[in-house]
Amino acid sequence: MYEELKRKAEDMGIQITDLVKFYVKNGIENRGEDSSRNENTEKLEESIAYLEARLAQLDLLVMEMAKKLKVLEETDDEQMEIDQA
């Protein structure tokens, strides 16, 4: 079962723990609902979970890029001060 979860998580580009949380949440929320609706809902929720995970990854990348840009700007400012002196 772990290998199936790992493969599914890798296919979706998310961590196994996020996938397990999704399945647990889905199971709790959908108790007693009919199965055809569950399948459609599950597919949509998997897509949402995937998009949320990718968004979190992109957010981290943007934050890292902003930090690097700030360091570069500070280095450039320091170099300009040295050149002017």
PDB file of N, CA and C in Angstrom:
ATOM      1  N   MET A   1       0.825  -1.186   0.000  1.00  0.00           N
ATOM      2  CA  MET A   1       0.000   0.000   0.000  1.00  0.00           C
ATOM      3  C   MET A   1       0.875   1.257   0.000  1.00  0.00           C
ATOM      4  N   TYR A   2       1.962   1.220   0.741  1.00  0.00           N
ATOM      5  CA  TYR A   2       2.863   2.369   0.792  1.00  0.00           C
ATOM      6  C   TYR A   2       3.398   2.698  -0.594  1.00  0.00           C
ATOM      7  N   GLU A   3       3.770   1.665  -1.348  1.00  0.00           N
ATOM      8  CA  GLU A   3       4.303   1.883  -2.696  1.00  0.00           C
ATOM      9  C   GLU A   3       3.260   2.525  -3.601  1.00  0.00           C
ATOM     10  N   GLU A   4       1.986   2.123  -3.456  1.00  0.00           N
ATOM     11  CA  GLU A   4       0.916   2.733  -4.246  1.00  0.00           C
ATOM     12  C   GLU A   4       0.767   4.209  -3.888  1.00  0.00           C
ATOM     13  N   LEU A   5       0.783   4.502  -2.589  1.00  0.00           N
ATOM     14  CA  LEU A   5       0.678   5.892  -2.148  1.00  0.00           C
ATOM     15  C   LEU A   5       1.868   6.706  -2.637  1.00  0.00           C
ATOM     16  N   LYS A   6       3.039   6.121  -2.546  1.00  0.00           N
ATOM     17  CA  LYS A   6       4.249   6.810  -2.981  1.00  0.00           C
ATOM     18  C   LYS A   6       4.188   7.111  -4.474  1.00  0.00           C
ATOM     19  N   ARG A   7       3.779   6.135  -5.257  1.00  0.00           N
ATOM     20  CA  ARG A   7       3.682   6.313  -6.707  1.00  0.00           C
ATOM     21  C   ARG A   7       2.629   7.377  -7.060  1.00  0.00           C
ATOM     22  N   LYS A   8       1.485   7.320  -6.409  1.00  0.00           N
ATOM     23  CA  LYS A   8       0.413   8.293  -6.660  1.00  0.00           C
ATOM     24  C   LYS A   8       0.875   9.700  -6.277  1.00  0.00           C
ATOM     25  N   ALA A   9       1.529   9.827  -5.127  1.00  0.00           N
ATOM     26  CA  ALA A   9       2.022  11.130  -4.679  1.00  0.00           C
ATOM     27  C   ALA A   9       3.061  11.675  -5.646  1.00  0.00           C
ATOM     28  N   GLU A  10       3.957  10.825  -6.111  1.00  0.00           N
ATOM     29  CA  GLU A  10       4.970  11.258  -7.080  1.00  0.00           C
ATOM     30  C   GLU A  10       4.330  11.698  -8.384  1.00  0.00           C
ATOM     31  N   ASP A  11       3.318  10.956  -8.829  1.00  0.00           N
ATOM     32  CA  ASP A  11       2.606  11.331 -10.054  1.00  0.00           C
ATOM     33  C   ASP A  11       1.940  12.700  -9.919  1.00  0.00           C
ATOM     34  N   MET A  12       1.458  12.993  -8.716  1.00  0.00           N
ATOM     35  CA  MET A  12       0.771  14.264  -8.473  1.00  0.00           C
ATOM     36  C   MET A  12       1.748  15.377  -8.099  1.00  0.00           C
ATOM     37  N   GLY A  13       2.988  15.015  -7.787  1.00  0.00           N
ATOM     38  CA  GLY A  13       3.973  16.022  -7.415  1.00  0.00           C
ATOM     39  C   GLY A  13       3.805  16.542  -6.005  1.00  0.00           C
ATOM     40  N   ILE A  14       3.245  15.699  -5.133  1.00  0.00           N
ATOM     41  CA  ILE A  14       3.044  16.101  -3.740  1.00  0.00           C
ATOM     42  C   ILE A  14       3.675  15.070  -2.818  1.00  0.00           C
ATOM     43  N   GLN A  15       3.705  15.403  -1.531  1.00  0.00           N
ATOM     44  CA  GLN A  15       4.269  14.477  -0.555  1.00  0.00           C
ATOM     45  C   GLN A  15       3.232  13.434  -0.150  1.00  0.00           C
ATOM     46  N   ILE A  16       3.711  12.289   0.276  1.00  0.00           N
ATOM     47  CA  ILE A  16       2.817  11.201   0.685  1.00  0.00           C
ATOM     48  C   ILE A  16       1.911  11.646   1.822  1.00  0.00           C
ATOM     49  N   THR A  17       2.459  12.394   2.774  1.00  0.00           N
ATOM     50  CA  THR A  17       1.638  12.827   3.912  1.00  0.00           C
ATOM     51  C   THR A  17       0.469  13.688   3.459  1.00  0.00           C
ATOM     52  N   ASP A  18       0.685  14.549   2.454  1.00  0.00           N
ATOM     53  CA  ASP A  18      -0.410  15.368   1.945  1.00  0.00           C
ATOM     54  C   ASP A  18      -1.477  14.505   1.283  1.00  0.00           C
ATOM     55  N   LEU A  19      -1.051  13.480   0.563  1.00  0.00           N
ATOM     56  CA  LEU A  19      -1.988  12.572  -0.085  1.00  0.00           C
ATOM     57  C   LEU A  19      -2.798  11.799   0.948  1.00  0.00           C
ATOM     58  N   VAL A  20      -2.134  11.317   1.992  1.00  0.00           N
ATOM     59  CA  VAL A  20      -2.834  10.585   3.052  1.00  0.00           C
ATOM     60  C   VAL A  20      -3.839  11.498   3.749  1.00  0.00           C
ATOM     61  N   LYS A  21      -3.438  12.728   4.047  1.00  0.00           N
ATOM     62  CA  LYS A  21      -4.370  13.687   4.662  1.00  0.00           C
ATOM     63  C   LYS A  21      -5.592  13.888   3.780  1.00  0.00           C
ATOM     64  N   PHE A  22      -5.357  14.005   2.481  1.00  0.00           N
ATOM     65  CA  PHE A  22      -6.459  14.183   1.544  1.00  0.00           C
ATOM     66  C   PHE A  22      -7.417  13.001   1.613  1.00  0.00           C
ATOM     67  N   TYR A  23      -6.882  11.785   1.554  1.00  0.00           N
ATOM     68  CA  TYR A  23      -7.732  10.600   1.583  1.00  0.00           C
ATOM     69  C   TYR A  23      -8.494  10.479   2.899  1.00  0.00           C
ATOM     70  N   VAL A  24      -7.853  10.786   4.008  1.00  0.00           N
ATOM     71  CA  VAL A  24      -8.524  10.722   5.305  1.00  0.00           C
ATOM     72  C   VAL A  24      -9.644  11.759   5.352  1.00  0.00           C
ATOM     73  N   LYS A  25      -9.329  12.965   4.957  1.00  0.00           N
ATOM     74  CA  LYS A  25     -10.333  14.036   4.961  1.00  0.00           C
ATOM     75  C   LYS A  25     -11.498  13.678   4.051  1.00  0.00           C
ATOM     76  N   ASN A  26     -11.176  13.164   2.878  1.00  0.00           N
ATOM     77  CA  ASN A  26     -12.205  12.771   1.923  1.00  0.00           C
ATOM     78  C   ASN A  26     -13.092  11.671   2.500  1.00  0.00           C
ATOM     79  N   GLY A  27     -12.488  10.710   3.162  1.00  0.00           N
ATOM     80  CA  GLY A  27     -13.258   9.622   3.759  1.00  0.00           C
ATOM     81  C   GLY A  27     -14.176  10.090   4.867  1.00  0.00           C
ATOM     82  N   ILE A  28     -13.703  11.011   5.686  1.00  0.00           N
ATOM     83  CA  ILE A  28     -14.512  11.533   6.789  1.00  0.00           C
ATOM     84  C   ILE A  28     -15.676  12.364   6.256  1.00  0.00           C
ATOM     85  N   GLU A  29     -15.398  13.210   5.280  1.00  0.00           N
ATOM     86  CA  GLU A  29     -16.427  14.104   4.749  1.00  0.00           C
ATOM     87  C   GLU A  29     -17.481  13.368   3.925  1.00  0.00           C
ATOM     88  N   ASN A  30     -17.113  12.261   3.324  1.00  0.00           N
ATOM     89  CA  ASN A  30     -18.016  11.606   2.382  1.00  0.00           C
ATOM     90  C   ASN A  30     -18.655  10.324   2.899  1.00  0.00           C
ATOM     91  N   ARG A  31     -18.679  10.125   4.185  1.00  0.00           N
ATOM     92  CA  ARG A  31     -19.342   8.931   4.724  1.00  0.00           C
ATOM     93  C   ARG A  31     -20.810   8.938   4.341  1.00  0.00           C
ATOM     94  N   GLY A  32     -21.273   7.833   3.802  1.00  0.00           N
ATOM     95  CA  GLY A  32     -22.689   7.685   3.509  1.00  0.00           C
ATOM     96  C   GLY A  32     -23.138   8.266   2.179  1.00  0.00           C
ATOM     97  N   GLU A  33     -22.287   8.949   1.443  1.00  0.00           N
ATOM     98  CA  GLU A  33     -22.678   9.485   0.142  1.00  0.00           C
ATOM     99  C   GLU A  33     -22.591   8.378  -0.901  1.00  0.00           C
ATOM    100  N   ASP A  34     -23.327   8.533  -1.995  1.00  0.00           N
ATOM    101  CA  ASP A  34     -23.290   7.467  -2.992  1.00  0.00           C
ATOM    102  C   ASP A  34     -21.961   7.441  -3.738  1.00  0.00           C
ATOM    103  N   SER A  35     -21.573   6.253  -4.203  1.00  0.00           N
ATOM    104  CA  SER A  35     -20.211   6.030  -4.710  1.00  0.00           C
ATOM    105  C   SER A  35     -19.905   6.754  -6.015  1.00  0.00           C
ATOM    106  N   SER A  36     -20.885   6.932  -6.899  1.00  0.00           N
ATOM    107  CA  SER A  36     -20.590   7.622  -8.161  1.00  0.00           C
ATOM    108  C   SER A  36     -20.237   9.080  -7.900  1.00  0.00           C
ATOM    109  N   ARG A  37     -20.929   9.682  -6.973  1.00  0.00           N
ATOM    110  CA  ARG A  37     -20.611  11.068  -6.607  1.00  0.00           C
ATOM    111  C   ARG A  37     -19.236  11.116  -5.944  1.00  0.00           C
ATOM    112  N   ASN A  38     -18.947  10.120  -5.122  1.00  0.00           N
ATOM    113  CA  ASN A  38     -17.647  10.056  -4.457  1.00  0.00           C
ATOM    114  C   ASN A  38     -16.504   9.999  -5.463  1.00  0.00           C
ATOM    115  N   GLU A  39     -16.670   9.215  -6.515  1.00  0.00           N
ATOM    116  CA  GLU A  39     -15.610   9.093  -7.512  1.00  0.00           C
ATOM    117  C   GLU A  39     -15.352  10.428  -8.202  1.00  0.00           C
ATOM    118  N   ASN A  40     -16.419  11.121  -8.599  1.00  0.00           N
ATOM    119  CA  ASN A  40     -16.257  12.424  -9.244  1.00  0.00           C
ATOM    120  C   ASN A  40     -15.663  13.437  -8.269  1.00  0.00           C
ATOM    121  N   THR A  41     -16.175  13.430  -7.074  1.00  0.00           N
ATOM    122  CA  THR A  41     -15.674  14.354  -6.054  1.00  0.00           C
ATOM    123  C   THR A  41     -14.222  14.055  -5.736  1.00  0.00           C
ATOM    124  N   GLU A  42     -13.897  12.775  -5.646  1.00  0.00           N
ATOM    125  CA  GLU A  42     -12.522  12.382  -5.339  1.00  0.00           C
ATOM    126  C   GLU A  42     -11.560  12.868  -6.413  1.00  0.00           C
ATOM    127  N   LYS A  43     -11.941  12.737  -7.675  1.00  0.00           N
ATOM    128  CA  LYS A  43     -11.078  13.200  -8.762  1.00  0.00           C
ATOM    129  C   LYS A  43     -10.872  14.713  -8.685  1.00  0.00           C
ATOM    130  N   LEU A  44     -11.951  15.433  -8.435  1.00  0.00           N
ATOM    131  CA  LEU A  44     -11.835  16.887  -8.321  1.00  0.00           C
ATOM    132  C   LEU A  44     -10.981  17.286  -7.122  1.00  0.00           C
ATOM    133  N   GLU A  45     -11.191  16.616  -6.012  1.00  0.00           N
ATOM    134  CA  GLU A  45     -10.427  16.946  -4.813  1.00  0.00           C
ATOM    135  C   GLU A  45      -8.960  16.565  -4.965  1.00  0.00           C
ATOM    136  N   GLU A  46      -8.677  15.486  -5.685  1.00  0.00           N
ATOM    137  CA  GLU A  46      -7.278  15.134  -5.966  1.00  0.00           C
ATOM    138  C   GLU A  46      -6.627  16.243  -6.793  1.00  0.00           C
ATOM    139  N   SER A  47      -7.370  16.741  -7.760  1.00  0.00           N
ATOM    140  CA  SER A  47      -6.844  17.831  -8.580  1.00  0.00           C
ATOM    141  C   SER A  47      -6.594  19.069  -7.739  1.00  0.00           C
ATOM    142  N   ILE A  48      -7.503  19.368  -6.854  1.00  0.00           N
ATOM    143  CA  ILE A  48      -7.341  20.529  -5.975  1.00  0.00           C
ATOM    144  C   ILE A  48      -6.144  20.331  -5.058  1.00  0.00           C
ATOM    145  N   ALA A  49      -6.002  19.138  -4.493  1.00  0.00           N
ATOM    146  CA  ALA A  49      -4.864  18.855  -3.611  1.00  0.00           C
ATOM    147  C   ALA A  49      -3.555  19.007  -4.371  1.00  0.00           C
ATOM    148  N   TYR A  50      -3.539  18.511  -5.603  1.00  0.00           N
ATOM    149  CA  TYR A  50      -2.346  18.634  -6.442  1.00  0.00           C
ATOM    150  C   TYR A  50      -2.028  20.107  -6.696  1.00  0.00           C
ATOM    151  N   LEU A  51      -3.042  20.877  -7.081  1.00  0.00           N
ATOM    152  CA  LEU A  51      -2.825  22.297  -7.367  1.00  0.00           C
ATOM    153  C   LEU A  51      -2.379  23.065  -6.125  1.00  0.00           C
ATOM    154  N   GLU A  52      -2.957  22.734  -4.975  1.00  0.00           N
ATOM    155  CA  GLU A  52      -2.539  23.393  -3.737  1.00  0.00           C
ATOM    156  C   GLU A  52      -1.086  23.080  -3.408  1.00  0.00           C
ATOM    157  N   ALA A  53      -0.684  21.831  -3.614  1.00  0.00           N
ATOM    158  CA  ALA A  53       0.703  21.452  -3.341  1.00  0.00           C
ATOM    159  C   ALA A  53       1.658  22.151  -4.302  1.00  0.00           C
ATOM    160  N   ARG A  54       1.290  22.196  -5.569  1.00  0.00           N
ATOM    161  CA  ARG A  54       2.135  22.882  -6.558  1.00  0.00           C
ATOM    162  C   ARG A  54       2.213  24.377  -6.258  1.00  0.00           C
ATOM    163  N   LEU A  55       1.097  24.964  -5.832  1.00  0.00           N
ATOM    164  CA  LEU A  55       1.085  26.378  -5.473  1.00  0.00           C
ATOM    165  C   LEU A  55       2.029  26.635  -4.301  1.00  0.00           C
ATOM    166  N   ALA A  56       2.015  25.749  -3.322  1.00  0.00           N
ATOM    167  CA  ALA A  56       2.920  25.895  -2.179  1.00  0.00           C
ATOM    168  C   ALA A  56       4.378  25.803  -2.636  1.00  0.00           C
ATOM    169  N   GLN A  57       4.664  24.886  -3.559  1.00  0.00           N
ATOM    170  CA  GLN A  57       6.026  24.765  -4.077  1.00  0.00           C
ATOM    171  C   GLN A  57       6.432  26.029  -4.826  1.00  0.00           C
ATOM    172  N   LEU A  58       5.547  26.544  -5.643  1.00  0.00           N
ATOM    173  CA  LEU A  58       5.844  27.766  -6.392  1.00  0.00           C
ATOM    174  C   LEU A  58       6.013  28.963  -5.466  1.00  0.00           C
ATOM    175  N   ASP A  59       5.211  29.005  -4.415  1.00  0.00           N
ATOM    176  CA  ASP A  59       5.332  30.083  -3.432  1.00  0.00           C
ATOM    177  C   ASP A  59       6.707  30.061  -2.774  1.00  0.00           C
ATOM    178  N   LEU A  60       7.178  28.875  -2.420  1.00  0.00           N
ATOM    179  CA  LEU A  60       8.512  28.748  -1.837  1.00  0.00           C
ATOM    180  C   LEU A  60       9.592  29.184  -2.823  1.00  0.00           C
ATOM    181  N   LEU A  61       9.430  28.810  -4.084  1.00  0.00           N
ATOM    182  CA  LEU A  61      10.398  29.211  -5.103  1.00  0.00           C
ATOM    183  C   LEU A  61      10.444  30.731  -5.265  1.00  0.00           C
ATOM    184  N   VAL A  62       9.283  31.351  -5.272  1.00  0.00           N
ATOM    185  CA  VAL A  62       9.230  32.807  -5.411  1.00  0.00           C
ATOM    186  C   VAL A  62       9.876  33.483  -4.208  1.00  0.00           C
ATOM    187  N   MET A  63       9.625  32.960  -3.017  1.00  0.00           N
ATOM    188  CA  MET A  63      10.233  33.534  -1.816  1.00  0.00           C
ATOM    189  C   MET A  63      11.751  33.409  -1.873  1.00  0.00           C
ATOM    190  N   GLU A  64      12.259  32.260  -2.312  1.00  0.00           N
ATOM    191  CA  GLU A  64      13.702  32.062  -2.437  1.00  0.00           C
ATOM    192  C   GLU A  64      14.295  33.017  -3.473  1.00  0.00           C
ATOM    193  N   MET A  65      13.601  33.182  -4.584  1.00  0.00           N
ATOM    194  CA  MET A  65      14.082  34.092  -5.616  1.00  0.00           C
ATOM    195  C   MET A  65      14.104  35.528  -5.101  1.00  0.00           C
ATOM    196  N   ALA A  66      13.100  35.906  -4.336  1.00  0.00           N
ATOM    197  CA  ALA A  66      13.051  37.259  -3.781  1.00  0.00           C
ATOM    198  C   ALA A  66      14.219  37.489  -2.821  1.00  0.00           C
ATOM    199  N   LYS A  67      14.535  36.472  -2.016  1.00  0.00           N
ATOM    200  CA  LYS A  67      15.670  36.579  -1.093  1.00  0.00           C
ATOM    201  C   LYS A  67      16.976  36.747  -1.864  1.00  0.00           C
ATOM    202  N   LYS A  68      17.147  35.941  -2.910  1.00  0.00           N
ATOM    203  CA  LYS A  68      18.370  36.023  -3.712  1.00  0.00           C
ATOM    204  C   LYS A  68      18.470  37.372  -4.415  1.00  0.00           C
ATOM    205  N   LEU A  69      17.350  37.877  -4.901  1.00  0.00           N
ATOM    206  CA  LEU A  69      17.337  39.180  -5.554  1.00  0.00           C
ATOM    207  C   LEU A  69      17.717  40.277  -4.569  1.00  0.00           C
ATOM    208  N   LYS A  70      17.212  40.183  -3.357  1.00  0.00           N
ATOM    209  CA  LYS A  70      17.542  41.174  -2.334  1.00  0.00           C
ATOM    210  C   LYS A  70      19.039  41.152  -2.028  1.00  0.00           C
ATOM    211  N   VAL A  71      19.609  39.959  -1.911  1.00  0.00           N
ATOM    212  CA  VAL A  71      21.048  39.835  -1.658  1.00  0.00           C
ATOM    213  C   VAL A  71      21.838  40.434  -2.813  1.00  0.00           C
ATOM    214  N   LEU A  72      21.415  40.152  -4.029  1.00  0.00           N
ATOM    215  CA  LEU A  72      22.098  40.712  -5.196  1.00  0.00           C
ATOM    216  C   LEU A  72      22.002  42.239  -5.219  1.00  0.00           C
ATOM    217  N   GLU A  73      20.830  42.769  -4.881  1.00  0.00           N
ATOM    218  CA  GLU A  73      20.664  44.216  -4.855  1.00  0.00           C
ATOM    219  C   GLU A  73      21.546  44.850  -3.786  1.00  0.00           C
ATOM    220  N   GLU A  74      21.611  44.208  -2.617  1.00  0.00           N
ATOM    221  CA  GLU A  74      22.455  44.728  -1.545  1.00  0.00           C
ATOM    222  C   GLU A  74      23.927  44.688  -1.945  1.00  0.00           C
ATOM    223  N   THR A  75      24.340  43.613  -2.581  1.00  0.00           N
ATOM    224  CA  THR A  75      25.720  43.486  -3.044  1.00  0.00           C
ATOM    225  C   THR A  75      26.025  44.559  -4.086  1.00  0.00           C
ATOM    226  N   ASP A  76      25.081  44.788  -4.989  1.00  0.00           N
ATOM    227  CA  ASP A  76      25.255  45.802  -6.021  1.00  0.00           C
ATOM    228  C   ASP A  76      25.348  47.196  -5.393  1.00  0.00           C
ATOM    229  N   ASP A  77      24.496  47.472  -4.387  1.00  0.00           N
ATOM    230  CA  ASP A  77      24.540  48.765  -3.700  1.00  0.00           C
ATOM    231  C   ASP A  77      25.884  48.964  -3.004  1.00  0.00           C
ATOM    232  N   GLU A  78      26.386  47.912  -2.351  1.00  0.00           N
ATOM    233  CA  GLU A  78      27.674  48.004  -1.671  1.00  0.00           C
ATOM    234  C   GLU A  78      28.792  48.251  -2.683  1.00  0.00           C
ATOM    235  N   GLN A  79      28.729  47.584  -3.827  1.00  0.00           N
ATOM    236  CA  GLN A  79      29.747  47.764  -4.855  1.00  0.00           C
ATOM    237  C   GLN A  79      29.707  49.184  -5.406  1.00  0.00           C
ATOM    238  N   MET A  80      28.521  49.743  -5.562  1.00  0.00           N
ATOM    239  CA  MET A  80      28.400  51.118  -6.059  1.00  0.00           C
ATOM    240  C   MET A  80      28.995  52.106  -5.053  1.00  0.00           C
ATOM    241  N   GLU A  81      28.784  51.853  -3.743  1.00  0.00           N
ATOM    242  CA  GLU A  81      29.354  52.715  -2.719  1.00  0.00           C
ATOM    243  C   GLU A  81      30.877  52.646  -2.746  1.00  0.00           C
ATOM    244  N   ILE A  82      31.421  51.468  -2.948  1.00  0.00           N
ATOM    245  CA  ILE A  82      32.880  51.301  -3.000  1.00  0.00           C
ATOM    246  C   ILE A  82      33.416  52.018  -4.231  1.00  0.00           C
ATOM    247  N   ASP A  83      32.730  51.867  -5.356  1.00  0.00           N
ATOM    248  CA  ASP A  83      33.179  52.512  -6.599  1.00  0.00           C
ATOM    249  C   ASP A  83      33.137  54.026  -6.491  1.00  0.00           C
ATOM    250  N   GLN A  84      32.182  54.568  -5.749  1.00  0.00           N
ATOM    251  CA  GLN A  84      32.053  56.013  -5.619  1.00  0.00           C
ATOM    252  C   GLN A  84      33.072  56.599  -4.651  1.00  0.00           C
ATOM    253  N   ALA A  85      33.600  55.788  -3.763  1.00  0.00           N
ATOM    254  CA  ALA A  85      34.540  56.273  -2.767  1.00  0.00           C
ATOM    255  C   ALA A  85      35.920  56.506  -3.317  1.00  0.00           C
TER     256      ALA A  85
END
